[in-house]
Protein backbone atom coordinates (compact mmCIF):
# COMPACT_ATOMS: atom_id res chain seq x y z
CA MET A 1 29.23 -23.50 -20.12
CA GLN A 2 26.29 -25.57 -18.94
CA VAL A 3 23.45 -23.55 -17.47
CA LEU A 4 20.69 -25.28 -15.54
CA LEU A 5 17.91 -22.73 -15.90
CA PRO A 6 14.53 -22.83 -17.69
CA ALA A 7 14.60 -21.91 -21.40
CA HIS A 8 12.55 -18.73 -20.87
CA VAL A 9 15.28 -17.46 -18.54
CA THR A 10 18.31 -18.54 -20.56
CA GLY A 11 16.82 -17.13 -23.76
CA SER A 12 16.66 -13.64 -22.30
CA THR A 13 20.00 -13.91 -20.44
CA PHE A 14 23.54 -13.84 -21.80
CA PHE A 15 26.22 -15.59 -19.76
CA PHE A 16 29.76 -14.40 -20.37
CA SER A 17 32.68 -16.74 -19.78
CA SER A 18 34.66 -16.21 -16.59
CA PHE A 19 37.59 -15.43 -18.92
CA PHE A 20 35.84 -12.44 -20.52
CA LEU A 21 36.89 -9.82 -17.97
CA ASP A 22 40.35 -11.40 -17.69
CA LYS A 23 40.77 -10.86 -21.43
CA LEU A 24 39.28 -7.37 -21.25
CA LEU A 25 41.22 -6.14 -18.22
CA GLY A 26 44.20 -8.51 -18.29
CA SER A 27 46.33 -8.53 -15.17
CA PHE A 28 44.64 -5.40 -13.82
CA LEU A 29 42.05 -7.47 -11.91
CA LYS A 30 44.85 -9.47 -10.30
CA ASP A 31 46.71 -6.36 -9.14
CA ASP A 32 46.49 -6.15 -5.34
CA ASP A 33 47.71 -2.54 -5.57
CA ILE A 34 44.27 -1.35 -6.72
CA ILE A 35 42.98 -1.90 -3.18
CA ASP A 36 45.08 1.05 -2.01
CA LYS A 37 44.14 3.36 -4.87
CA ASP A 38 41.62 6.18 -4.81
CA ARG A 39 38.23 5.35 -6.38
CA ASN A 40 38.64 7.93 -9.17
CA GLU A 41 42.13 6.66 -9.93
CA VAL A 42 40.82 3.09 -10.27
CA ILE A 43 37.99 4.24 -12.57
CA ALA A 44 40.47 6.10 -14.79
CA LEU A 45 42.79 3.09 -14.93
CA VAL A 46 39.92 0.73 -15.84
CA LYS A 47 38.72 3.03 -18.64
CA GLU A 48 42.23 3.22 -20.07
CA LYS A 49 42.74 -0.55 -19.85
CA VAL A 50 39.37 -1.31 -21.50
CA LYS A 51 40.16 0.98 -24.44
CA GLU A 52 43.46 -0.85 -24.96
CA ALA A 53 42.13 -4.39 -24.51
CA TYR A 54 38.77 -4.21 -26.33
CA LYS A 55 40.35 -5.81 -29.39
CA ASN A 56 40.86 -9.00 -27.32
CA VAL A 57 37.10 -9.51 -26.80
CA ARG A 58 35.27 -7.65 -29.57
CA ARG A 59 34.36 -10.91 -31.34
CA TRP A 60 33.04 -12.70 -28.23
CA THR A 61 29.49 -11.44 -28.82
CA LYS A 62 29.49 -11.03 -32.60
CA ASN A 63 26.60 -13.53 -32.99
CA GLN A 64 24.58 -12.12 -30.08
CA ASP A 65 22.74 -8.87 -29.62
CA ILE A 66 23.55 -8.47 -25.94
CA PHE A 67 21.49 -5.27 -25.75
CA ALA A 68 18.36 -7.25 -26.67
CA LYS A 69 18.80 -9.45 -23.58
CA ASP A 70 17.14 -8.79 -20.23
CA VAL A 71 20.18 -9.75 -18.13
CA LEU A 72 23.93 -10.03 -18.74
CA VAL A 73 25.88 -12.26 -16.33
CA PHE A 74 29.61 -11.72 -15.78
CA PRO A 75 31.34 -14.24 -13.46
CA ILE A 76 34.48 -12.61 -12.05
CA ASN A 77 37.47 -14.13 -10.27
CA SER A 78 39.51 -11.25 -8.91
CA LEU A 79 41.72 -10.51 -5.93
CA ARG A 80 41.34 -14.13 -4.78
CA HIS A 81 37.51 -13.96 -4.66
CA TRP A 82 34.60 -14.90 -6.92
CA TYR A 83 31.97 -12.31 -7.76
CA CYS A 84 29.02 -12.17 -10.10
CA LEU A 85 28.12 -8.99 -11.94
CA LEU A 86 24.57 -8.74 -13.29
CA VAL A 87 23.57 -6.07 -15.77
CA VAL A 88 19.78 -5.82 -15.80
CA ASN A 89 18.08 -4.14 -18.76
CA PRO A 90 21.29 -3.47 -20.77
CA GLN A 91 19.28 -1.78 -23.56
CA ALA A 92 18.85 1.16 -21.18
CA LEU A 93 22.58 1.84 -21.61
CA LEU A 94 21.90 2.82 -25.22
CA ARG A 95 19.27 5.44 -24.41
CA PRO A 96 20.37 9.07 -24.20
CA ARG A 97 20.32 10.58 -20.72
C-alpha cells in the first residue's frame, strides 16, 4: 500500500490492509442480516467470530509492535460502503482499568 504522508506521521501510524477485517471476520461483514439484529447480539456474534478467525491474521503484525504506534488505521469495505476505523493511542488498551 502506498501512503502519501510525511515520514513523522507514517512512522507512528500503522495502516492495515483493507483485507485484514475480511480475514478476521470473514463473511460476517458482508451479512446484510446484521442490520436487523440487536446491538448486543451483534457484539456477541463479532466476539465469537474473532475468536474463531484470529488464526487467519495473527501473523499480519508479527514484525510490528502495533501498541507502540500512535494511530492504527483500518480501511473497511462492508455492507456496500467504505469506512475507516482509527484507533488512537492503542497502548491505552493494555492498561488496566
